[in-house]
Every structure is written in structure tokens, then in C-alpha cells.
Amino acid sequence: MLTNGQRGHKIFECTGPTDCSPSEIAQAMGEVTGKRIRVQQLSTSSATEILTQLGVPRSVAVLLQEMYEGLDSGQIAFESPQTVQGGKISAKDAIFAMWHRAAAV
């Protein structure tokens, strides 16, 4: 979809083959990296401050906090759930590919 050269405006909503919890993503990351990954739930209201401390520009951190709040409240959802394109690559396989591509750079 990203490389077919289609012109105009079209919305593609994509997911993986299954929904994953933060704990499942952390487990996959740990398996790929060989490190212990622990999920730590932070309050949405503190996202801007935490992200800026990690080096994210404040304007971007504010937008990310707004996105988190929208997801938490249900205001952000798939526009057309019946047309969502499910992927074929598992979270673990995607993390593996990204990890090894980044390591090669």
C-alpha cells in the first residue's frame, strides 16, 4: 500500500495479525534483545514531562500526551473497523526485523 504509487487521499487502517498487550510486546522485545523488559504503567497526565526528560521536543510530547488521552478515553478508534487491514507479521517478528536492521546501521 505504501509503495504502489497510488495518488489521491485514501485512509488505510492497519493492525497486526492479533492485538498485543504491553506485556506481550515487552516479552517479545525481551526475547529479541536478550534483555529483561519490564512494563511500567505511567499516568497519562505525566507523559509530557516524562517524554521531555527523555529528550522528546516539548511540542511533540504534548501531541503524544493528547494522543494517549484520546486512546484511553476511546475518542481515538478505527474509523471503519470493518475495513481494517490485518497484517501477517507477528509483533515479535516485526521487532526482530527492526532490531537487526538498527544494529546493522
PDB file of N, CA and C in Angstrom:
ATOM      1  N   MET A   1       0.817  -1.192   0.000  1.00  0.00           N
ATOM      2  CA  MET A   1       0.000   0.000   0.000  1.00  0.00           C
ATOM      3  C   MET A   1       0.858   1.252   0.000  1.00  0.00           C
ATOM      4  N   LEU A   2       2.004   1.189   0.667  1.00  0.00           N
ATOM      5  CA  LEU A   2       2.845   2.380   0.764  1.00  0.00           C
ATOM      6  C   LEU A   2       3.711   2.577  -0.474  1.00  0.00           C
ATOM      7  N   THR A   3       3.890   1.527  -1.262  1.00  0.00           N
ATOM      8  CA  THR A   3       4.821   1.627  -2.378  1.00  0.00           C
ATOM      9  C   THR A   3       4.173   1.509  -3.750  1.00  0.00           C
ATOM     10  N   ASN A   4       2.848   1.430  -3.823  1.00  0.00           N
ATOM     11  CA  ASN A   4       2.222   1.212  -5.125  1.00  0.00           C
ATOM     12  C   ASN A   4       2.016   2.492  -5.932  1.00  0.00           C
ATOM     13  N   GLY A   5       2.401   3.637  -5.427  1.00  0.00           N
ATOM     14  CA  GLY A   5       2.332   4.876  -6.187  1.00  0.00           C
ATOM     15  C   GLY A   5       0.937   5.439  -6.371  1.00  0.00           C
ATOM     16  N   GLN A   6      -0.009   4.998  -5.591  1.00  0.00           N
ATOM     17  CA  GLN A   6      -1.384   5.483  -5.716  1.00  0.00           C
ATOM     18  C   GLN A   6      -1.444   6.972  -5.389  1.00  0.00           C
ATOM     19  N   ARG A   7      -2.216   7.690  -6.147  1.00  0.00           N
ATOM     20  CA  ARG A   7      -2.362   9.134  -5.931  1.00  0.00           C
ATOM     21  C   ARG A   7      -3.694   9.411  -5.238  1.00  0.00           C
ATOM     22  N   GLY A   8      -3.771  10.595  -4.655  1.00  0.00           N
ATOM     23  CA  GLY A   8      -5.004  10.987  -4.002  1.00  0.00           C
ATOM     24  C   GLY A   8      -4.987  10.642  -2.528  1.00  0.00           C
ATOM     25  N   HIS A   9      -6.135  10.829  -1.916  1.00  0.00           N
ATOM     26  CA  HIS A   9      -6.271  10.640  -0.467  1.00  0.00           C
ATOM     27  C   HIS A   9      -7.056   9.366  -0.193  1.00  0.00           C
ATOM     28  N   LYS A  10      -6.493   8.502   0.582  1.00  0.00           N
ATOM     29  CA  LYS A  10      -7.189   7.287   0.986  1.00  0.00           C
ATOM     30  C   LYS A  10      -6.690   6.912   2.370  1.00  0.00           C
ATOM     31  N   ILE A  11      -7.594   6.495   3.215  1.00  0.00           N
ATOM     32  CA  ILE A  11      -7.237   6.089   4.573  1.00  0.00           C
ATOM     33  C   ILE A  11      -7.087   4.580   4.606  1.00  0.00           C
ATOM     34  N   PHE A  12      -5.944   4.113   5.102  1.00  0.00           N
ATOM     35  CA  PHE A  12      -5.718   2.698   5.342  1.00  0.00           C
ATOM     36  C   PHE A  12      -5.530   2.523   6.834  1.00  0.00           C
ATOM     37  N   GLU A  13      -6.338   1.695   7.428  1.00  0.00           N
ATOM     38  CA  GLU A  13      -6.196   1.407   8.854  1.00  0.00           C
ATOM     39  C   GLU A  13      -5.613   0.011   8.972  1.00  0.00           C
ATOM     40  N   CYS A  14      -4.494  -0.070   9.645  1.00  0.00           N
ATOM     41  CA  CYS A  14      -3.749  -1.326   9.700  1.00  0.00           C
ATOM     42  C   CYS A  14      -3.533  -1.777  11.138  1.00  0.00           C
ATOM     43  N   THR A  15      -3.524  -3.080  11.314  1.00  0.00           N
ATOM     44  CA  THR A  15      -3.198  -3.681  12.603  1.00  0.00           C
ATOM     45  C   THR A  15      -2.272  -4.858  12.341  1.00  0.00           C
ATOM     46  N   GLY A  16      -1.799  -5.445  13.388  1.00  0.00           N
ATOM     47  CA  GLY A  16      -1.072  -6.696  13.252  1.00  0.00           C
ATOM     48  C   GLY A  16      -2.067  -7.841  13.123  1.00  0.00           C
ATOM     49  N   PRO A  17      -1.568  -9.067  13.029  1.00  0.00           N
ATOM     50  CA  PRO A  17      -2.486 -10.197  12.914  1.00  0.00           C
ATOM     51  C   PRO A  17      -3.314 -10.415  14.179  1.00  0.00           C
ATOM     52  N   THR A  18      -2.795  -9.957  15.313  1.00  0.00           N
ATOM     53  CA  THR A  18      -3.527 -10.032  16.582  1.00  0.00           C
ATOM     54  C   THR A  18      -3.235  -8.776  17.388  1.00  0.00           C
ATOM     55  N   ASP A  19      -4.126  -8.445  18.303  1.00  0.00           N
ATOM     56  CA  ASP A  19      -3.864  -7.345  19.218  1.00  0.00           C
ATOM     57  C   ASP A  19      -2.892  -7.839  20.283  1.00  0.00           C
ATOM     58  N   CYS A  20      -1.994  -6.978  20.707  1.00  0.00           N
ATOM     59  CA  CYS A  20      -0.997  -7.346  21.721  1.00  0.00           C
ATOM     60  C   CYS A  20      -1.093  -6.387  22.895  1.00  0.00           C
ATOM     61  N   SER A  21      -0.967  -6.944  24.076  1.00  0.00           N
ATOM     62  CA  SER A  21      -0.925  -6.118  25.280  1.00  0.00           C
ATOM     63  C   SER A  21       0.492  -5.565  25.446  1.00  0.00           C
ATOM     64  N   PRO A  22       0.653  -4.529  26.253  1.00  0.00           N
ATOM     65  CA  PRO A  22       2.003  -4.039  26.539  1.00  0.00           C
ATOM     66  C   PRO A  22       2.914  -5.142  27.099  1.00  0.00           C
ATOM     67  N   SER A  23       2.363  -6.021  27.916  1.00  0.00           N
ATOM     68  CA  SER A  23       3.171  -7.114  28.470  1.00  0.00           C
ATOM     69  C   SER A  23       3.640  -8.076  27.387  1.00  0.00           C
ATOM     70  N   GLU A  24       2.775  -8.336  26.407  1.00  0.00           N
ATOM     71  CA  GLU A  24       3.167  -9.225  25.304  1.00  0.00           C
ATOM     72  C   GLU A  24       4.250  -8.587  24.435  1.00  0.00           C
ATOM     73  N   ILE A  25       4.149  -7.284  24.216  1.00  0.00           N
ATOM     74  CA  ILE A  25       5.182  -6.581  23.451  1.00  0.00           C
ATOM     75  C   ILE A  25       6.500  -6.595  24.229  1.00  0.00           C
ATOM     76  N   ALA A  26       6.439  -6.362  25.535  1.00  0.00           N
ATOM     77  CA  ALA A  26       7.655  -6.390  26.361  1.00  0.00           C
ATOM     78  C   ALA A  26       8.294  -7.778  26.323  1.00  0.00           C
ATOM     79  N   GLN A  27       7.488  -8.808  26.374  1.00  0.00           N
ATOM     80  CA  GLN A  27       8.021 -10.178  26.316  1.00  0.00           C
ATOM     81  C   GLN A  27       8.711 -10.412  24.975  1.00  0.00           C
ATOM     82  N   ALA A  28       8.080  -9.997  23.887  1.00  0.00           N
ATOM     83  CA  ALA A  28       8.680 -10.161  22.562  1.00  0.00           C
ATOM     84  C   ALA A  28       9.984  -9.380  22.462  1.00  0.00           C
ATOM     85  N   MET A  29       9.996  -8.143  22.970  1.00  0.00           N
ATOM     86  CA  MET A  29      11.218  -7.340  22.942  1.00  0.00           C
ATOM     87  C   MET A  29      12.326  -8.004  23.743  1.00  0.00           C
ATOM     88  N   GLY A  30      11.969  -8.565  24.886  1.00  0.00           N
ATOM     89  CA  GLY A  30      12.951  -9.258  25.710  1.00  0.00           C
ATOM     90  C   GLY A  30      13.532 -10.470  25.010  1.00  0.00           C
ATOM     91  N   GLU A  31      12.681 -11.230  24.332  1.00  0.00           N
ATOM     92  CA  GLU A  31      13.153 -12.402  23.606  1.00  0.00           C
ATOM     93  C   GLU A  31      14.090 -12.003  22.470  1.00  0.00           C
ATOM     94  N   VAL A  32      13.789 -10.931  21.783  1.00  0.00           N
ATOM     95  CA  VAL A  32      14.606 -10.472  20.655  1.00  0.00           C
ATOM     96  C   VAL A  32      15.930  -9.895  21.135  1.00  0.00           C
ATOM     97  N   THR A  33      15.893  -9.093  22.188  1.00  0.00           N
ATOM     98  CA  THR A  33      17.107  -8.395  22.639  1.00  0.00           C
ATOM     99  C   THR A  33      17.929  -9.177  23.654  1.00  0.00           C
ATOM    100  N   GLY A  34      17.323 -10.192  24.232  1.00  0.00           N
ATOM    101  CA  GLY A  34      18.023 -10.939  25.271  1.00  0.00           C
ATOM    102  C   GLY A  34      18.098 -10.179  26.585  1.00  0.00           C
ATOM    103  N   LYS A  35      17.260  -9.172  26.723  1.00  0.00           N
ATOM    104  CA  LYS A  35      17.249  -8.358  27.945  1.00  0.00           C
ATOM    105  C   LYS A  35      15.906  -8.498  28.637  1.00  0.00           C
ATOM    106  N   ARG A  36      15.918  -8.260  29.918  1.00  0.00           N
ATOM    107  CA  ARG A  36      14.661  -8.266  30.668  1.00  0.00           C
ATOM    108  C   ARG A  36      13.959  -6.934  30.453  1.00  0.00           C
ATOM    109  N   ILE A  37      12.761  -6.985  29.918  1.00  0.00           N
ATOM    110  CA  ILE A  37      11.973  -5.780  29.668  1.00  0.00           C
ATOM    111  C   ILE A  37      10.783  -5.810  30.610  1.00  0.00           C
ATOM    112  N   ARG A  38      10.614  -4.734  31.339  1.00  0.00           N
ATOM    113  CA  ARG A  38       9.519  -4.662  32.310  1.00  0.00           C
ATOM    114  C   ARG A  38       8.579  -3.535  31.923  1.00  0.00           C
ATOM    115  N   VAL A  39       7.287  -3.832  31.931  1.00  0.00           N
ATOM    116  CA  VAL A  39       6.282  -2.811  31.645  1.00  0.00           C
ATOM    117  C   VAL A  39       6.051  -2.002  32.907  1.00  0.00           C
ATOM    118  N   GLN A  40       6.055  -0.696  32.757  1.00  0.00           N
ATOM    119  CA  GLN A  40       5.770   0.183  33.878  1.00  0.00           C
ATOM    120  C   GLN A  40       4.694   1.158  33.445  1.00  0.00           C
ATOM    121  N   GLN A  41       3.541   1.070  34.049  1.00  0.00           N
ATOM    122  CA  GLN A  41       2.425   1.945  33.712  1.00  0.00           C
ATOM    123  C   GLN A  41       2.658   3.328  34.314  1.00  0.00           C
ATOM    124  N   LEU A  42       2.596   4.328  33.475  1.00  0.00           N
ATOM    125  CA  LEU A  42       2.737   5.707  33.936  1.00  0.00           C
ATOM    126  C   LEU A  42       1.420   6.427  33.718  1.00  0.00           C
ATOM    127  N   SER A  43       1.176   7.443  34.483  1.00  0.00           N
ATOM    128  CA  SER A  43      -0.065   8.191  34.298  1.00  0.00           C
ATOM    129  C   SER A  43       0.011   8.982  33.003  1.00  0.00           C
ATOM    130  N   THR A  44      -1.085   9.015  32.290  1.00  0.00           N
ATOM    131  CA  THR A  44      -1.143   9.754  31.035  1.00  0.00           C
ATOM    132  C   THR A  44      -0.833  11.224  31.260  1.00  0.00           C
ATOM    133  N   SER A  45      -1.289  11.766  32.377  1.00  0.00           N
ATOM    134  CA  SER A  45      -1.100  13.193  32.645  1.00  0.00           C
ATOM    135  C   SER A  45       0.374  13.578  32.824  1.00  0.00           C
ATOM    136  N   SER A  46       1.228  12.601  33.088  1.00  0.00           N
ATOM    137  CA  SER A  46       2.651  12.908  33.259  1.00  0.00           C
ATOM    138  C   SER A  46       3.458  12.657  31.989  1.00  0.00           C
ATOM    139  N   ALA A  47       2.813  12.274  30.894  1.00  0.00           N
ATOM    140  CA  ALA A  47       3.527  11.905  29.668  1.00  0.00           C
ATOM    141  C   ALA A  47       4.396  13.036  29.131  1.00  0.00           C
ATOM    142  N   THR A  48       3.867  14.245  29.071  1.00  0.00           N
ATOM    143  CA  THR A  48       4.644  15.353  28.512  1.00  0.00           C
ATOM    144  C   THR A  48       5.936  15.550  29.287  1.00  0.00           C
ATOM    145  N   GLU A  49       5.838  15.575  30.592  1.00  0.00           N
ATOM    146  CA  GLU A  49       7.026  15.798  31.417  1.00  0.00           C
ATOM    147  C   GLU A  49       8.041  14.670  31.252  1.00  0.00           C
ATOM    148  N   ILE A  50       7.575  13.436  31.280  1.00  0.00           N
ATOM    149  CA  ILE A  50       8.480  12.287  31.152  1.00  0.00           C
ATOM    150  C   ILE A  50       9.138  12.277  29.777  1.00  0.00           C
ATOM    151  N   LEU A  51       8.357  12.494  28.735  1.00  0.00           N
ATOM    152  CA  LEU A  51       8.908  12.470  27.384  1.00  0.00           C
ATOM    153  C   LEU A  51       9.925  13.579  27.169  1.00  0.00           C
ATOM    154  N   THR A  52       9.667  14.775  27.697  1.00  0.00           N
ATOM    155  CA  THR A  52      10.641  15.856  27.534  1.00  0.00           C
ATOM    156  C   THR A  52      11.929  15.544  28.297  1.00  0.00           C
ATOM    157  N   GLN A  53      11.823  14.889  29.441  1.00  0.00           N
ATOM    158  CA  GLN A  53      13.023  14.482  30.186  1.00  0.00           C
ATOM    159  C   GLN A  53      13.836  13.450  29.397  1.00  0.00           C
ATOM    160  N   LEU A  54      13.155  12.697  28.540  1.00  0.00           N
ATOM    161  CA  LEU A  54      13.843  11.706  27.708  1.00  0.00           C
ATOM    162  C   LEU A  54      14.356  12.294  26.400  1.00  0.00           C
ATOM    163  N   GLY A  55      14.153  13.611  26.205  1.00  0.00           N
ATOM    164  CA  GLY A  55      14.701  14.283  25.037  1.00  0.00           C
ATOM    165  C   GLY A  55      13.718  14.545  23.905  1.00  0.00           C
ATOM    166  N   VAL A  56      12.459  14.203  24.099  1.00  0.00           N
ATOM    167  CA  VAL A  56      11.453  14.482  23.078  1.00  0.00           C
ATOM    168  C   VAL A  56      11.132  15.978  23.122  1.00  0.00           C
ATOM    169  N   PRO A  57      11.109  16.651  21.966  1.00  0.00           N
ATOM    170  CA  PRO A  57      10.748  18.073  21.977  1.00  0.00           C
ATOM    171  C   PRO A  57       9.374  18.287  22.624  1.00  0.00           C
ATOM    172  N   ARG A  58       9.257  19.334  23.402  1.00  0.00           N
ATOM    173  CA  ARG A  58       8.018  19.581  24.156  1.00  0.00           C
ATOM    174  C   ARG A  58       6.780  19.596  23.258  1.00  0.00           C
ATOM    175  N   SER A  59       6.868  20.226  22.088  1.00  0.00           N
ATOM    176  CA  SER A  59       5.697  20.294  21.204  1.00  0.00           C
ATOM    177  C   SER A  59       5.246  18.899  20.768  1.00  0.00           C
ATOM    178  N   VAL A  60       6.184  18.014  20.555  1.00  0.00           N
ATOM    179  CA  VAL A  60       5.858  16.632  20.176  1.00  0.00           C
ATOM    180  C   VAL A  60       5.307  15.880  21.386  1.00  0.00           C
ATOM    181  N   ALA A  61       5.909  16.090  22.551  1.00  0.00           N
ATOM    182  CA  ALA A  61       5.457  15.416  23.769  1.00  0.00           C
ATOM    183  C   ALA A  61       4.015  15.780  24.108  1.00  0.00           C
ATOM    184  N   VAL A  62       3.649  17.042  23.899  1.00  0.00           N
ATOM    185  CA  VAL A  62       2.270  17.484  24.154  1.00  0.00           C
ATOM    186  C   VAL A  62       1.310  16.741  23.227  1.00  0.00           C
ATOM    187  N   LEU A  63       1.676  16.631  21.950  1.00  0.00           N
ATOM    188  CA  LEU A  63       0.824  15.916  20.993  1.00  0.00           C
ATOM    189  C   LEU A  63       0.701  14.435  21.350  1.00  0.00           C
ATOM    190  N   LEU A  64       1.797  13.835  21.781  1.00  0.00           N
ATOM    191  CA  LEU A  64       1.745  12.425  22.186  1.00  0.00           C
ATOM    192  C   LEU A  64       0.840  12.242  23.405  1.00  0.00           C
ATOM    193  N   GLN A  65       0.935  13.159  24.364  1.00  0.00           N
ATOM    194  CA  GLN A  65       0.062  13.071  25.532  1.00  0.00           C
ATOM    195  C   GLN A  65      -1.396  13.170  25.105  1.00  0.00           C
ATOM    196  N   GLU A  66      -1.700  14.084  24.184  1.00  0.00           N
ATOM    197  CA  GLU A  66      -3.074  14.201  23.695  1.00  0.00           C
ATOM    198  C   GLU A  66      -3.535  12.906  23.024  1.00  0.00           C
ATOM    199  N   MET A  67      -2.641  12.273  22.269  1.00  0.00           N
ATOM    200  CA  MET A  67      -2.987  11.007  21.630  1.00  0.00           C
ATOM    201  C   MET A  67      -3.258   9.931  22.684  1.00  0.00           C
ATOM    202  N   TYR A  68      -2.391   9.848  23.693  1.00  0.00           N
ATOM    203  CA  TYR A  68      -2.601   8.858  24.761  1.00  0.00           C
ATOM    204  C   TYR A  68      -3.944   9.071  25.448  1.00  0.00           C
ATOM    205  N   GLU A  69      -4.265  10.333  25.726  1.00  0.00           N
ATOM    206  CA  GLU A  69      -5.542  10.637  26.383  1.00  0.00           C
ATOM    207  C   GLU A  69      -6.717  10.249  25.492  1.00  0.00           C
ATOM    208  N   GLY A  70      -6.600  10.486  24.187  1.00  0.00           N
ATOM    209  CA  GLY A  70      -7.652  10.098  23.251  1.00  0.00           C
ATOM    210  C   GLY A  70      -7.833   8.589  23.175  1.00  0.00           C
ATOM    211  N   LEU A  71      -6.726   7.859  23.195  1.00  0.00           N
ATOM    212  CA  LEU A  71      -6.809   6.395  23.184  1.00  0.00           C
ATOM    213  C   LEU A  71      -7.441   5.883  24.473  1.00  0.00           C
ATOM    214  N   ASP A  72      -6.994   6.430  25.604  1.00  0.00           N
ATOM    215  CA  ASP A  72      -7.524   5.996  26.903  1.00  0.00           C
ATOM    216  C   ASP A  72      -9.016   6.261  27.035  1.00  0.00           C
ATOM    217  N   SER A  73      -9.477   7.386  26.474  1.00  0.00           N
ATOM    218  CA  SER A  73     -10.883   7.768  26.622  1.00  0.00           C
ATOM    219  C   SER A  73     -11.782   7.141  25.559  1.00  0.00           C
ATOM    220  N   GLY A  74     -11.184   6.492  24.568  1.00  0.00           N
ATOM    221  CA  GLY A  74     -11.975   5.912  23.489  1.00  0.00           C
ATOM    222  C   GLY A  74     -12.321   6.894  22.387  1.00  0.00           C
ATOM    223  N   GLN A  75     -11.808   8.128  22.470  1.00  0.00           N
ATOM    224  CA  GLN A  75     -12.087   9.116  21.425  1.00  0.00           C
ATOM    225  C   GLN A  75     -11.301   8.834  20.154  1.00  0.00           C
ATOM    226  N   ILE A  76     -10.212   8.078  20.263  1.00  0.00           N
ATOM    227  CA  ILE A  76      -9.451   7.651  19.094  1.00  0.00           C
ATOM    228  C   ILE A  76      -9.721   6.167  18.908  1.00  0.00           C
ATOM    229  N   ALA A  77     -10.213   5.836  17.741  1.00  0.00           N
ATOM    230  CA  ALA A  77     -10.524   4.442  17.415  1.00  0.00           C
ATOM    231  C   ALA A  77     -10.448   4.297  15.905  1.00  0.00           C
ATOM    232  N   PHE A  78     -10.575   3.083  15.427  1.00  0.00           N
ATOM    233  CA  PHE A  78     -10.586   2.872  13.985  1.00  0.00           C
ATOM    234  C   PHE A  78     -11.796   3.570  13.386  1.00  0.00           C
ATOM    235  N   GLU A  79     -11.575   4.258  12.269  1.00  0.00           N
ATOM    236  CA  GLU A  79     -12.650   4.963  11.602  1.00  0.00           C
ATOM    237  C   GLU A  79     -13.673   3.987  11.015  1.00  0.00           C
ATOM    238  N   SER A  80     -13.187   2.918  10.399  1.00  0.00           N
ATOM    239  CA  SER A  80     -14.054   1.908   9.772  1.00  0.00           C
ATOM    240  C   SER A  80     -13.565   0.527  10.178  1.00  0.00           C
ATOM    241  N   PRO A  81     -13.948   0.037  11.353  1.00  0.00           N
ATOM    242  CA  PRO A  81     -13.433  -1.255  11.826  1.00  0.00           C
ATOM    243  C   PRO A  81     -13.620  -2.394  10.825  1.00  0.00           C
ATOM    244  N   GLN A  82     -14.660  -2.326  10.004  1.00  0.00           N
ATOM    245  CA  GLN A  82     -14.914  -3.406   9.059  1.00  0.00           C
ATOM    246  C   GLN A  82     -13.914  -3.432   7.905  1.00  0.00           C
ATOM    247  N   THR A  83     -13.144  -2.361   7.702  1.00  0.00           N
ATOM    248  CA  THR A  83     -12.182  -2.329   6.601  1.00  0.00           C
ATOM    249  C   THR A  83     -10.733  -2.351   7.073  1.00  0.00           C
ATOM    250  N   VAL A  84     -10.505  -2.592   8.340  1.00  0.00           N
ATOM    251  CA  VAL A  84      -9.146  -2.623   8.875  1.00  0.00           C
ATOM    252  C   VAL A  84      -8.368  -3.751   8.198  1.00  0.00           C
ATOM    253  N   GLN A  85      -7.169  -3.426   7.754  1.00  0.00           N
ATOM    254  CA  GLN A  85      -6.299  -4.407   7.110  1.00  0.00           C
ATOM    255  C   GLN A  85      -5.426  -5.073   8.172  1.00  0.00           C
ATOM    256  N   GLY A  86      -5.618  -6.352   8.375  1.00  0.00           N
ATOM    257  CA  GLY A  86      -4.804  -7.089   9.345  1.00  0.00           C
ATOM    258  C   GLY A  86      -3.491  -7.513   8.718  1.00  0.00           C
ATOM    259  N   GLY A  87      -2.415  -7.285   9.430  1.00  0.00           N
ATOM    260  CA  GLY A  87      -1.099  -7.673   8.932  1.00  0.00           C
ATOM    261  C   GLY A  87      -0.857  -9.162   9.073  1.00  0.00           C
ATOM    262  N   LYS A  88       0.281  -9.602   8.568  1.00  0.00           N
ATOM    263  CA  LYS A  88       0.624 -11.023   8.612  1.00  0.00           C
ATOM    264  C   LYS A  88       1.872 -11.288   9.454  1.00  0.00           C
ATOM    265  N   ILE A  89       2.537 -10.214   9.890  1.00  0.00           N
ATOM    266  CA  ILE A  89       3.792 -10.357  10.631  1.00  0.00           C
ATOM    267  C   ILE A  89       3.509 -10.173  12.115  1.00  0.00           C
ATOM    268  N   SER A  90       3.959 -11.111  12.924  1.00  0.00           N
ATOM    269  CA  SER A  90       3.738 -11.010  14.368  1.00  0.00           C
ATOM    270  C   SER A  90       4.545  -9.861  14.948  1.00  0.00           C
ATOM    271  N   ALA A  91       4.143  -9.413  16.122  1.00  0.00           N
ATOM    272  CA  ALA A  91       4.878  -8.337  16.804  1.00  0.00           C
ATOM    273  C   ALA A  91       6.327  -8.759  17.019  1.00  0.00           C
ATOM    274  N   LYS A  92       6.547  -9.994  17.437  1.00  0.00           N
ATOM    275  CA  LYS A  92       7.909 -10.465  17.692  1.00  0.00           C
ATOM    276  C   LYS A  92       8.744 -10.439  16.417  1.00  0.00           C
ATOM    277  N   ASP A  93       8.175 -10.885  15.293  1.00  0.00           N
ATOM    278  CA  ASP A  93       8.922 -10.869  14.035  1.00  0.00           C
ATOM    279  C   ASP A  93       9.222  -9.444  13.581  1.00  0.00           C
ATOM    280  N   ALA A  94       8.273  -8.521  13.772  1.00  0.00           N
ATOM    281  CA  ALA A  94       8.492  -7.122  13.399  1.00  0.00           C
ATOM    282  C   ALA A  94       9.587  -6.510  14.273  1.00  0.00           C
ATOM    283  N   ILE A  95       9.543  -6.771  15.571  1.00  0.00           N
ATOM    284  CA  ILE A  95      10.570  -6.268  16.492  1.00  0.00           C
ATOM    285  C   ILE A  95      11.929  -6.844  16.122  1.00  0.00           C
ATOM    286  N   PHE A  96      11.963  -8.136  15.813  1.00  0.00           N
ATOM    287  CA  PHE A  96      13.212  -8.794  15.409  1.00  0.00           C
ATOM    288  C   PHE A  96      13.816  -8.098  14.185  1.00  0.00           C
ATOM    289  N   ALA A  97      12.980  -7.853  13.169  1.00  0.00           N
ATOM    290  CA  ALA A  97      13.473  -7.223  11.944  1.00  0.00           C
ATOM    291  C   ALA A  97      13.983  -5.808  12.220  1.00  0.00           C
ATOM    292  N   MET A  98      13.230  -5.021  12.996  1.00  0.00           N
ATOM    293  CA  MET A  98      13.659  -3.658  13.310  1.00  0.00           C
ATOM    294  C   MET A  98      14.946  -3.655  14.122  1.00  0.00           C
ATOM    295  N   TRP A  99      15.047  -4.556  15.098  1.00  0.00           N
ATOM    296  CA  TRP A  99      16.224  -4.632  15.965  1.00  0.00           C
ATOM    297  C   TRP A  99      17.470  -4.935  15.150  1.00  0.00           C
ATOM    298  N   HIS A 100      17.363  -5.910  14.266  1.00  0.00           N
ATOM    299  CA  HIS A 100      18.533  -6.301  13.488  1.00  0.00           C
ATOM    300  C   HIS A 100      18.885  -5.300  12.386  1.00  0.00           C
ATOM    301  N   ARG A 101      17.895  -4.607  11.838  1.00  0.00           N
ATOM    302  CA  ARG A 101      18.182  -3.534  10.879  1.00  0.00           C
ATOM    303  C   ARG A 101      18.892  -2.382  11.577  1.00  0.00           C
ATOM    304  N   ALA A 102      18.419  -2.029  12.783  1.00  0.00           N
ATOM    305  CA  ALA A 102      19.046  -0.937  13.528  1.00  0.00           C
ATOM    306  C   ALA A 102      20.474  -1.298  13.927  1.00  0.00           C
ATOM    307  N   ALA A 103      20.694  -2.558  14.265  1.00  0.00           N
ATOM    308  CA  ALA A 103      22.031  -2.995  14.669  1.00  0.00           C
ATOM    309  C   ALA A 103      23.002  -2.968  13.491  1.00  0.00           C
ATOM    310  N   ALA A 104      22.482  -3.114  12.272  1.00  0.00           N
ATOM    311  CA  ALA A 104      23.319  -3.134  11.085  1.00  0.00           C
ATOM    312  C   ALA A 104      23.741  -1.743  10.641  1.00  0.00           C
ATOM    313  N   VAL A 105      23.093  -0.719  11.179  1.00  0.00           N
ATOM    314  CA  VAL A 105      23.400   0.659  10.761  1.00  0.00           C
ATOM    315  C   VAL A 105      24.613   1.178  11.463  1.00  0.00           C
TER     316      VAL A 105
END
